[in-house]
Each structure stands twice: as C-alpha cells, then as structure tokens.
Amino acid sequence: MWIKLLQQDTHLRRIALRTWPGLFAMGFGSGLARKAPGTMGTLAAVPLAWLLLQLPAILFWLVWIILFWSGIYWCEVTSRRLQRVDPGCIVWDEMVAYWLIVALLPLHWAWWLAALVLFRLFDIVKPWPIRHIERRVKGGLGVMLDDILAAGYTLLVLLAGQWLLTRGG
C-alpha cells in the first residue's frame, strides 16, 4: 500500500512540477496536499489575490478572464494526464473562483476570511445547481464552472451581509 501511495505521489509531483499545465492546474504544488487540497489551493490563492488586486481594475479583469480561460485548458490537460475527472489535486479552479470573490469585496481580512470559509463550504456541499452542472459539463470547463458557481453563492451571501451591515440592521 505504501509503495502504491509513493508511486502515485511521484506521478502527481512529476505532472505538477514538470509541466506548465500541471504546475498551474495544481496551484503551484498546493494541490499536492494529502489533506484538503482544495482548501490548500484556496489558501495559496490569498496572497496572489492581494497581488492581482494591486492592478488597475480593467487590467485585473482582463488578467482574470485570461486566467479563467487558460484554466479550462490547464485543468483539461492535467485531468487527461492523470486519467481522472476533476481530481482533488487540481485546484486552479478554486484559486480563480476565490479571486473573483475577493475582487468584489472590501479589501479587509475579515471579508476575505469569510469568503474563504463560505466558498469552501459551498464548494464541498455543492448546492443546486452546482452538483447538477458538475455532472453534466465535462472536461476543463466542468472543472472550472462548478467553482465559479460556488463563488456565486459565496458572493450572494457576503454581499447580502454587506448590504445588511450598511443599512444598520
């Protein structure tokens, strides 16, 4: 059993660290975590989010769109190389979705922490229609899309909370 795990880890590391699509799809190695790789990928996205949000808004959104569409390709190629559909080690989808969320929130640690917790919750629970879409849409687009939907749920909750806070009640 240990030999099989070691061989699997070596194969994942080889793809993650020796191929461009694997490096990005596995979140620069954060997706190689044995426990909670999606959470590790989202945590790795936090400092990158701060850097990306230093860009002018128009440039941020242009970069975000490029990273989203590139992610479809990177996740597709990496899934094929691993011969698995949406393996947990692919975390680029979590990263891009988290960047979308925090781009629309106040630049404050409490909002970013709430975003991380809620996003992970929605990504794990997959309320309707996330699970439905995850089962229907295949390939790299399917990998990316379910996390964008989880980001949408996260934004709905956080923006509703922000609205309630600003209304004083």
N, C-alpha and C. Protein backbone atom coordinates (compact mmCIF):
# COMPACT_ATOMS: atom_id res chain seq x y z
N MET A 1 0.83 -1.19 0.00
CA MET A 1 0.00 0.00 0.00
C MET A 1 0.88 1.26 0.00
N TRP A 2 1.92 1.29 0.82
CA TRP A 2 2.79 2.46 0.89
C TRP A 2 3.51 2.70 -0.44
N ILE A 3 3.89 1.60 -1.09
CA ILE A 3 4.58 1.73 -2.38
C ILE A 3 3.64 2.35 -3.41
N LYS A 4 2.37 1.91 -3.41
CA LYS A 4 1.39 2.46 -4.35
C LYS A 4 1.18 3.96 -4.09
N LEU A 5 1.07 4.36 -2.80
CA LEU A 5 0.92 5.78 -2.46
C LEU A 5 2.15 6.58 -2.91
N LEU A 6 3.33 6.03 -2.69
CA LEU A 6 4.56 6.71 -3.08
C LEU A 6 4.63 6.87 -4.60
N GLN A 7 4.24 5.82 -5.34
CA GLN A 7 4.24 5.91 -6.80
C GLN A 7 3.23 6.95 -7.28
N GLN A 8 2.06 6.97 -6.64
CA GLN A 8 1.03 7.95 -7.01
C GLN A 8 1.53 9.37 -6.72
N ASP A 9 2.13 9.58 -5.55
CA ASP A 9 2.68 10.90 -5.21
C ASP A 9 3.74 11.33 -6.20
N THR A 10 4.62 10.39 -6.59
CA THR A 10 5.69 10.70 -7.54
C THR A 10 5.09 11.10 -8.88
N HIS A 11 4.08 10.38 -9.33
CA HIS A 11 3.41 10.69 -10.60
C HIS A 11 2.76 12.08 -10.55
N LEU A 12 2.05 12.38 -9.46
CA LEU A 12 1.41 13.70 -9.31
C LEU A 12 2.46 14.81 -9.30
N ARG A 13 3.52 14.61 -8.53
CA ARG A 13 4.58 15.62 -8.45
C ARG A 13 5.24 15.85 -9.81
N ARG A 14 5.45 14.77 -10.54
CA ARG A 14 6.06 14.89 -11.86
C ARG A 14 5.20 15.75 -12.78
N ILE A 15 3.89 15.51 -12.77
CA ILE A 15 2.99 16.30 -13.61
C ILE A 15 2.89 17.73 -13.08
N ALA A 16 2.82 17.89 -11.76
CA ALA A 16 2.64 19.22 -11.18
C ALA A 16 3.87 20.09 -11.35
N LEU A 17 5.02 19.51 -11.26
CA LEU A 17 6.23 20.33 -11.22
C LEU A 17 7.05 20.30 -12.50
N ARG A 18 6.69 19.44 -13.44
CA ARG A 18 7.47 19.35 -14.68
C ARG A 18 6.70 19.73 -15.92
N THR A 19 5.42 20.08 -15.77
CA THR A 19 4.64 20.52 -16.93
C THR A 19 3.96 21.85 -16.59
N TRP A 20 3.90 22.73 -17.55
CA TRP A 20 3.24 24.03 -17.31
C TRP A 20 1.77 23.87 -16.94
N PRO A 21 1.01 23.08 -17.70
CA PRO A 21 -0.40 22.92 -17.31
C PRO A 21 -0.55 22.33 -15.91
N GLY A 22 0.28 21.34 -15.57
CA GLY A 22 0.21 20.73 -14.25
C GLY A 22 0.59 21.70 -13.14
N LEU A 23 1.61 22.51 -13.40
CA LEU A 23 2.05 23.49 -12.40
C LEU A 23 0.91 24.45 -12.06
N PHE A 24 0.23 24.95 -13.07
CA PHE A 24 -0.89 25.86 -12.82
C PHE A 24 -2.10 25.13 -12.27
N ALA A 25 -2.49 24.01 -12.93
CA ALA A 25 -3.69 23.29 -12.51
C ALA A 25 -3.59 22.84 -11.05
N MET A 26 -2.40 22.46 -10.61
CA MET A 26 -2.23 22.01 -9.23
C MET A 26 -1.79 23.15 -8.31
N GLY A 27 -2.06 24.35 -8.72
CA GLY A 27 -1.86 25.51 -7.85
C GLY A 27 -0.44 25.68 -7.36
N PHE A 28 0.54 25.52 -8.27
CA PHE A 28 1.96 25.66 -7.94
C PHE A 28 2.38 24.68 -6.85
N GLY A 29 1.72 23.54 -6.80
CA GLY A 29 2.04 22.49 -5.83
C GLY A 29 1.10 22.43 -4.65
N SER A 30 0.28 23.44 -4.44
CA SER A 30 -0.62 23.44 -3.27
C SER A 30 -1.65 22.32 -3.35
N GLY A 31 -2.00 21.88 -4.55
CA GLY A 31 -2.96 20.80 -4.72
C GLY A 31 -2.39 19.43 -4.39
N LEU A 32 -1.10 19.36 -4.12
CA LEU A 32 -0.47 18.09 -3.76
C LEU A 32 -0.66 17.74 -2.29
N ALA A 33 -1.27 18.63 -1.52
CA ALA A 33 -1.51 18.35 -0.11
C ALA A 33 -2.37 17.10 0.01
N ARG A 34 -2.00 16.22 0.92
CA ARG A 34 -2.76 14.97 1.08
C ARG A 34 -4.12 15.21 1.72
N LYS A 35 -4.21 16.20 2.58
CA LYS A 35 -5.49 16.51 3.23
C LYS A 35 -5.96 17.86 2.73
N ALA A 36 -7.22 17.95 2.38
CA ALA A 36 -7.88 19.19 1.98
C ALA A 36 -7.13 19.97 0.89
N PRO A 37 -6.84 19.34 -0.25
CA PRO A 37 -6.11 20.07 -1.29
C PRO A 37 -6.88 21.29 -1.81
N GLY A 38 -8.21 21.22 -1.86
CA GLY A 38 -8.99 22.38 -2.31
C GLY A 38 -8.82 23.57 -1.38
N THR A 39 -8.80 23.29 -0.10
CA THR A 39 -8.59 24.35 0.89
C THR A 39 -7.17 24.89 0.78
N MET A 40 -6.20 24.01 0.58
CA MET A 40 -4.80 24.45 0.43
C MET A 40 -4.64 25.32 -0.81
N GLY A 41 -5.32 24.94 -1.88
CA GLY A 41 -5.28 25.75 -3.10
C GLY A 41 -5.91 27.11 -2.89
N THR A 42 -7.02 27.14 -2.15
CA THR A 42 -7.67 28.42 -1.86
C THR A 42 -6.78 29.28 -0.97
N LEU A 43 -6.14 28.68 0.00
CA LEU A 43 -5.20 29.43 0.85
C LEU A 43 -4.03 29.98 0.03
N ALA A 44 -3.55 29.20 -0.92
CA ALA A 44 -2.47 29.67 -1.79
C ALA A 44 -2.93 30.82 -2.66
N ALA A 45 -4.22 30.90 -2.92
CA ALA A 45 -4.77 31.97 -3.76
C ALA A 45 -4.80 33.32 -3.04
N VAL A 46 -4.78 33.30 -1.71
CA VAL A 46 -4.94 34.56 -0.94
C VAL A 46 -3.83 35.57 -1.25
N PRO A 47 -2.54 35.23 -1.09
CA PRO A 47 -1.53 36.25 -1.40
C PRO A 47 -1.51 36.65 -2.87
N LEU A 48 -1.83 35.70 -3.75
CA LEU A 48 -1.90 36.03 -5.17
C LEU A 48 -3.06 36.98 -5.46
N ALA A 49 -4.15 36.82 -4.72
CA ALA A 49 -5.29 37.73 -4.87
C ALA A 49 -4.88 39.15 -4.52
N TRP A 50 -4.15 39.26 -3.42
CA TRP A 50 -3.70 40.59 -2.99
C TRP A 50 -2.83 41.23 -4.08
N LEU A 51 -1.93 40.43 -4.66
CA LEU A 51 -1.06 40.95 -5.73
C LEU A 51 -1.89 41.34 -6.96
N LEU A 52 -2.81 40.48 -7.37
CA LEU A 52 -3.63 40.77 -8.55
C LEU A 52 -4.48 42.02 -8.35
N LEU A 53 -4.95 42.23 -7.13
CA LEU A 53 -5.81 43.39 -6.87
C LEU A 53 -5.04 44.70 -6.77
N GLN A 54 -3.72 44.63 -6.89
CA GLN A 54 -2.91 45.85 -6.99
C GLN A 54 -2.97 46.44 -8.40
N LEU A 55 -3.44 45.61 -9.34
CA LEU A 55 -3.57 46.07 -10.72
C LEU A 55 -4.75 47.02 -10.85
N PRO A 56 -4.72 47.92 -11.83
CA PRO A 56 -5.91 48.71 -12.12
C PRO A 56 -7.07 47.77 -12.45
N ALA A 57 -8.29 48.17 -12.11
CA ALA A 57 -9.45 47.29 -12.24
C ALA A 57 -9.59 46.68 -13.63
N ILE A 58 -9.45 47.46 -14.66
CA ILE A 58 -9.62 46.94 -16.02
C ILE A 58 -8.57 45.87 -16.34
N LEU A 59 -7.35 46.09 -15.86
CA LEU A 59 -6.28 45.13 -16.08
C LEU A 59 -6.52 43.86 -15.24
N PHE A 60 -6.99 44.04 -14.00
CA PHE A 60 -7.32 42.88 -13.17
C PHE A 60 -8.32 41.99 -13.90
N TRP A 61 -9.42 42.58 -14.41
CA TRP A 61 -10.47 41.78 -15.04
C TRP A 61 -9.98 41.12 -16.33
N LEU A 62 -9.13 41.80 -17.06
CA LEU A 62 -8.55 41.20 -18.26
C LEU A 62 -7.68 40.00 -17.88
N VAL A 63 -6.84 40.16 -16.88
CA VAL A 63 -5.99 39.06 -16.42
C VAL A 63 -6.85 37.93 -15.88
N TRP A 64 -7.89 38.26 -15.13
CA TRP A 64 -8.76 37.23 -14.55
C TRP A 64 -9.42 36.40 -15.67
N ILE A 65 -9.91 37.07 -16.69
CA ILE A 65 -10.55 36.36 -17.82
C ILE A 65 -9.53 35.44 -18.51
N ILE A 66 -8.33 35.92 -18.71
CA ILE A 66 -7.28 35.10 -19.33
C ILE A 66 -6.97 33.89 -18.45
N LEU A 67 -6.86 34.11 -17.14
CA LEU A 67 -6.56 33.00 -16.22
C LEU A 67 -7.70 32.00 -16.14
N PHE A 68 -8.93 32.48 -16.23
CA PHE A 68 -10.08 31.57 -16.25
C PHE A 68 -10.04 30.68 -17.49
N TRP A 69 -9.93 31.29 -18.67
CA TRP A 69 -9.93 30.52 -19.92
C TRP A 69 -8.70 29.64 -20.03
N SER A 70 -7.56 30.12 -19.57
CA SER A 70 -6.36 29.28 -19.55
C SER A 70 -6.56 28.10 -18.61
N GLY A 71 -7.25 28.34 -17.51
CA GLY A 71 -7.53 27.28 -16.54
C GLY A 71 -8.34 26.15 -17.13
N ILE A 72 -9.24 26.46 -18.03
CA ILE A 72 -10.02 25.41 -18.70
C ILE A 72 -9.06 24.46 -19.42
N TYR A 73 -8.10 25.03 -20.13
CA TYR A 73 -7.11 24.22 -20.85
C TYR A 73 -6.21 23.46 -19.88
N TRP A 74 -5.64 24.17 -18.89
CA TRP A 74 -4.71 23.53 -17.96
C TRP A 74 -5.37 22.39 -17.19
N CYS A 75 -6.61 22.60 -16.76
CA CYS A 75 -7.32 21.57 -15.99
C CYS A 75 -7.67 20.38 -16.89
N GLU A 76 -8.04 20.65 -18.13
CA GLU A 76 -8.35 19.58 -19.08
C GLU A 76 -7.11 18.72 -19.35
N VAL A 77 -6.01 19.36 -19.68
CA VAL A 77 -4.77 18.63 -19.99
C VAL A 77 -4.31 17.82 -18.78
N THR A 78 -4.34 18.42 -17.61
CA THR A 78 -3.87 17.74 -16.41
C THR A 78 -4.79 16.58 -16.03
N SER A 79 -6.10 16.78 -16.15
CA SER A 79 -7.04 15.68 -15.88
C SER A 79 -6.78 14.50 -16.81
N ARG A 80 -6.53 14.79 -18.07
CA ARG A 80 -6.25 13.71 -19.03
C ARG A 80 -4.96 12.98 -18.68
N ARG A 81 -3.93 13.75 -18.32
CA ARG A 81 -2.66 13.11 -17.96
C ARG A 81 -2.81 12.24 -16.73
N LEU A 82 -3.66 12.65 -15.81
CA LEU A 82 -3.89 11.87 -14.60
C LEU A 82 -4.92 10.77 -14.82
N GLN A 83 -5.60 10.82 -15.95
CA GLN A 83 -6.65 9.87 -16.31
C GLN A 83 -7.75 9.83 -15.24
N ARG A 84 -8.10 11.04 -14.77
CA ARG A 84 -9.18 11.18 -13.77
C ARG A 84 -9.99 12.42 -14.11
N VAL A 85 -11.28 12.38 -13.78
CA VAL A 85 -12.16 13.52 -13.99
C VAL A 85 -12.14 14.38 -12.73
N ASP A 86 -11.74 15.62 -12.85
CA ASP A 86 -11.71 16.59 -11.76
C ASP A 86 -11.09 16.04 -10.47
N PRO A 87 -9.82 15.60 -10.55
CA PRO A 87 -9.17 15.09 -9.34
C PRO A 87 -8.96 16.21 -8.32
N GLY A 88 -8.94 15.84 -7.06
CA GLY A 88 -8.80 16.83 -5.98
C GLY A 88 -7.52 17.63 -6.04
N CYS A 89 -6.48 17.09 -6.65
CA CYS A 89 -5.20 17.81 -6.71
C CYS A 89 -5.26 19.01 -7.66
N ILE A 90 -6.25 19.06 -8.53
CA ILE A 90 -6.42 20.23 -9.41
C ILE A 90 -7.15 21.30 -8.61
N VAL A 91 -6.46 22.41 -8.37
CA VAL A 91 -7.00 23.47 -7.51
C VAL A 91 -7.04 24.84 -8.20
N TRP A 92 -6.66 24.88 -9.47
CA TRP A 92 -6.70 26.17 -10.18
C TRP A 92 -8.11 26.74 -10.18
N ASP A 93 -9.10 25.87 -10.26
CA ASP A 93 -10.50 26.31 -10.25
C ASP A 93 -10.84 27.00 -8.94
N GLU A 94 -10.35 26.49 -7.81
CA GLU A 94 -10.57 27.16 -6.52
C GLU A 94 -9.88 28.53 -6.49
N MET A 95 -8.67 28.58 -7.03
CA MET A 95 -7.91 29.83 -7.00
C MET A 95 -8.61 30.93 -7.80
N VAL A 96 -8.99 30.61 -9.03
CA VAL A 96 -9.63 31.60 -9.89
C VAL A 96 -10.98 32.04 -9.31
N ALA A 97 -11.72 31.10 -8.76
CA ALA A 97 -13.01 31.43 -8.15
C ALA A 97 -12.82 32.34 -6.94
N TYR A 98 -11.81 32.06 -6.13
CA TYR A 98 -11.56 32.90 -4.95
C TYR A 98 -11.17 34.32 -5.38
N TRP A 99 -10.38 34.45 -6.43
CA TRP A 99 -10.00 35.78 -6.92
C TRP A 99 -11.23 36.55 -7.38
N LEU A 100 -12.15 35.87 -7.99
CA LEU A 100 -13.40 36.52 -8.41
C LEU A 100 -14.15 37.06 -7.19
N ILE A 101 -14.25 36.24 -6.16
CA ILE A 101 -15.00 36.64 -4.96
C ILE A 101 -14.37 37.88 -4.32
N VAL A 102 -13.08 37.81 -4.02
CA VAL A 102 -12.47 38.92 -3.26
C VAL A 102 -12.36 40.20 -4.09
N ALA A 103 -12.38 40.07 -5.42
CA ALA A 103 -12.36 41.26 -6.26
C ALA A 103 -13.61 42.10 -6.07
N LEU A 104 -14.68 41.47 -5.60
CA LEU A 104 -15.96 42.17 -5.44
C LEU A 104 -16.28 42.48 -3.98
N LEU A 105 -15.32 42.29 -3.11
CA LEU A 105 -15.50 42.54 -1.67
C LEU A 105 -14.56 43.64 -1.20
N PRO A 106 -14.85 44.20 -0.01
CA PRO A 106 -13.90 45.16 0.56
C PRO A 106 -12.54 44.49 0.81
N LEU A 107 -11.49 45.25 0.66
CA LEU A 107 -10.13 44.75 0.88
C LEU A 107 -9.86 44.74 2.38
N HIS A 108 -10.38 43.71 3.06
CA HIS A 108 -10.24 43.60 4.51
C HIS A 108 -10.16 42.12 4.86
N TRP A 109 -9.31 41.79 5.80
CA TRP A 109 -9.06 40.39 6.14
C TRP A 109 -10.33 39.66 6.58
N ALA A 110 -11.24 40.33 7.28
CA ALA A 110 -12.45 39.66 7.77
C ALA A 110 -13.34 39.22 6.60
N TRP A 111 -13.46 40.08 5.59
CA TRP A 111 -14.24 39.73 4.41
C TRP A 111 -13.58 38.58 3.65
N TRP A 112 -12.25 38.64 3.55
CA TRP A 112 -11.52 37.61 2.82
C TRP A 112 -11.60 36.26 3.54
N LEU A 113 -11.55 36.28 4.87
CA LEU A 113 -11.68 35.05 5.65
C LEU A 113 -13.09 34.48 5.51
N ALA A 114 -14.09 35.34 5.62
CA ALA A 114 -15.47 34.89 5.43
C ALA A 114 -15.65 34.31 4.03
N ALA A 115 -15.04 34.95 3.04
CA ALA A 115 -15.11 34.44 1.66
C ALA A 115 -14.48 33.06 1.56
N LEU A 116 -13.35 32.86 2.19
CA LEU A 116 -12.67 31.58 2.13
C LEU A 116 -13.54 30.48 2.77
N VAL A 117 -14.07 30.76 3.95
CA VAL A 117 -14.87 29.75 4.66
C VAL A 117 -16.15 29.43 3.88
N LEU A 118 -16.88 30.45 3.46
CA LEU A 118 -18.13 30.21 2.72
C LEU A 118 -17.88 29.54 1.38
N PHE A 119 -16.86 29.98 0.69
CA PHE A 119 -16.54 29.38 -0.60
C PHE A 119 -16.23 27.90 -0.45
N ARG A 120 -15.40 27.55 0.53
CA ARG A 120 -15.07 26.15 0.74
C ARG A 120 -16.33 25.35 1.09
N LEU A 121 -17.19 25.94 1.90
CA LEU A 121 -18.44 25.27 2.28
C LEU A 121 -19.29 24.98 1.03
N PHE A 122 -19.51 26.01 0.21
CA PHE A 122 -20.33 25.82 -0.99
C PHE A 122 -19.66 24.88 -1.99
N ASP A 123 -18.33 24.91 -2.07
CA ASP A 123 -17.62 24.03 -2.99
C ASP A 123 -17.70 22.57 -2.54
N ILE A 124 -17.74 22.35 -1.25
CA ILE A 124 -17.82 20.99 -0.72
C ILE A 124 -19.26 20.47 -0.77
N VAL A 125 -20.22 21.28 -0.31
CA VAL A 125 -21.62 20.86 -0.24
C VAL A 125 -22.25 20.79 -1.63
N LYS A 126 -21.87 21.69 -2.50
CA LYS A 126 -22.38 21.76 -3.88
C LYS A 126 -23.91 21.82 -3.96
N PRO A 127 -24.51 22.91 -3.45
CA PRO A 127 -25.97 23.03 -3.56
C PRO A 127 -26.41 23.16 -5.02
N TRP A 128 -27.72 22.92 -5.24
CA TRP A 128 -28.25 23.00 -6.59
C TRP A 128 -28.00 24.39 -7.15
N PRO A 129 -27.60 24.54 -8.37
CA PRO A 129 -27.41 23.54 -9.43
C PRO A 129 -25.95 23.11 -9.58
N ILE A 130 -25.11 23.38 -8.59
CA ILE A 130 -23.68 23.10 -8.75
C ILE A 130 -23.43 21.62 -9.04
N ARG A 131 -23.96 20.74 -8.21
CA ARG A 131 -23.72 19.30 -8.41
C ARG A 131 -24.29 18.84 -9.76
N HIS A 132 -25.44 19.36 -10.13
CA HIS A 132 -26.06 19.01 -11.41
C HIS A 132 -25.14 19.41 -12.57
N ILE A 133 -24.62 20.61 -12.53
CA ILE A 133 -23.75 21.11 -13.60
C ILE A 133 -22.43 20.34 -13.60
N GLU A 134 -21.93 20.05 -12.40
CA GLU A 134 -20.67 19.29 -12.30
C GLU A 134 -20.80 17.94 -12.99
N ARG A 135 -21.95 17.31 -12.88
CA ARG A 135 -22.17 16.00 -13.51
C ARG A 135 -22.40 16.10 -15.01
N ARG A 136 -22.93 17.21 -15.48
CA ARG A 136 -23.30 17.36 -16.89
C ARG A 136 -22.19 17.95 -17.76
N VAL A 137 -21.44 18.92 -17.21
CA VAL A 137 -20.43 19.61 -18.01
C VAL A 137 -19.08 18.93 -17.75
N LYS A 138 -18.49 18.41 -18.76
CA LYS A 138 -17.26 17.64 -18.64
C LYS A 138 -16.04 18.45 -19.06
N GLY A 139 -14.88 17.89 -18.82
CA GLY A 139 -13.63 18.49 -19.25
C GLY A 139 -13.23 19.67 -18.39
N GLY A 140 -12.33 20.45 -18.92
CA GLY A 140 -11.80 21.59 -18.20
C GLY A 140 -12.86 22.63 -17.85
N LEU A 141 -13.83 22.80 -18.73
CA LEU A 141 -14.91 23.75 -18.44
C LEU A 141 -15.71 23.29 -17.23
N GLY A 142 -15.99 22.01 -17.14
CA GLY A 142 -16.71 21.47 -16.00
C GLY A 142 -15.94 21.65 -14.70
N VAL A 143 -14.63 21.45 -14.77
CA VAL A 143 -13.77 21.63 -13.59
C VAL A 143 -13.88 23.07 -13.10
N MET A 144 -13.80 24.01 -14.02
CA MET A 144 -13.79 25.43 -13.65
C MET A 144 -15.18 25.93 -13.25
N LEU A 145 -16.21 25.46 -13.93
CA LEU A 145 -17.54 26.02 -13.79
C LEU A 145 -18.17 25.78 -12.42
N ASP A 146 -17.99 24.59 -11.85
CA ASP A 146 -18.64 24.34 -10.55
C ASP A 146 -18.08 25.27 -9.47
N ASP A 147 -16.81 25.62 -9.56
CA ASP A 147 -16.24 26.54 -8.57
C ASP A 147 -16.70 27.97 -8.79
N ILE A 148 -16.92 28.35 -10.03
CA ILE A 148 -17.45 29.68 -10.31
C ILE A 148 -18.86 29.79 -9.74
N LEU A 149 -19.64 28.72 -9.86
CA LEU A 149 -20.98 28.73 -9.26
C LEU A 149 -20.92 28.80 -7.74
N ALA A 150 -19.97 28.07 -7.13
CA ALA A 150 -19.79 28.16 -5.67
C ALA A 150 -19.37 29.58 -5.28
N ALA A 151 -18.58 30.22 -6.13
CA ALA A 151 -18.20 31.62 -5.89
C ALA A 151 -19.43 32.51 -5.95
N GLY A 152 -20.34 32.22 -6.86
CA GLY A 152 -21.59 32.99 -6.97
C GLY A 152 -22.41 32.90 -5.70
N TYR A 153 -22.57 31.70 -5.15
CA TYR A 153 -23.28 31.54 -3.88
C TYR A 153 -22.58 32.32 -2.76
N THR A 154 -21.27 32.22 -2.73
CA THR A 154 -20.49 32.93 -1.71
C THR A 154 -20.73 34.43 -1.81
N LEU A 155 -20.67 34.94 -3.02
CA LEU A 155 -20.89 36.37 -3.22
C LEU A 155 -22.30 36.79 -2.82
N LEU A 156 -23.30 35.98 -3.15
CA LEU A 156 -24.67 36.32 -2.75
C LEU A 156 -24.78 36.47 -1.24
N VAL A 157 -24.22 35.52 -0.50
CA VAL A 157 -24.29 35.58 0.96
C VAL A 157 -23.51 36.77 1.49
N LEU A 158 -22.30 36.97 1.01
CA LEU A 158 -21.47 38.06 1.53
C LEU A 158 -21.99 39.44 1.14
N LEU A 159 -22.46 39.58 -0.08
CA LEU A 159 -22.99 40.88 -0.49
C LEU A 159 -24.31 41.19 0.23
N ALA A 160 -25.11 40.17 0.49
CA ALA A 160 -26.32 40.37 1.30
C ALA A 160 -25.93 40.79 2.72
N GLY A 161 -24.90 40.15 3.27
CA GLY A 161 -24.41 40.54 4.59
C GLY A 161 -23.88 41.96 4.60
N GLN A 162 -23.16 42.32 3.56
CA GLN A 162 -22.64 43.69 3.45
C GLN A 162 -23.79 44.69 3.36
N TRP A 163 -24.80 44.37 2.60
CA TRP A 163 -25.96 45.26 2.47
C TRP A 163 -26.65 45.43 3.80
N LEU A 164 -26.82 44.34 4.54
CA LEU A 164 -27.44 44.42 5.87
C LEU A 164 -26.61 45.25 6.83
N LEU A 165 -25.31 45.09 6.77
CA LEU A 165 -24.42 45.86 7.65
C LEU A 165 -24.45 47.35 7.34
N THR A 166 -24.52 47.70 6.07
CA THR A 166 -24.53 49.12 5.70
C THR A 166 -25.88 49.78 5.94
N ARG A 167 -26.92 48.97 6.02
CA ARG A 167 -28.25 49.52 6.30
C ARG A 167 -28.46 49.66 7.80
N GLY A 168 -27.48 49.15 8.57
CA GLY A 168 -27.59 49.26 10.03
C GLY A 168 -28.46 48.20 10.64
N GLY A 169 -28.72 47.13 9.94
CA GLY A 169 -29.58 46.20 10.58
C GLY A 169 -29.59 44.86 10.09
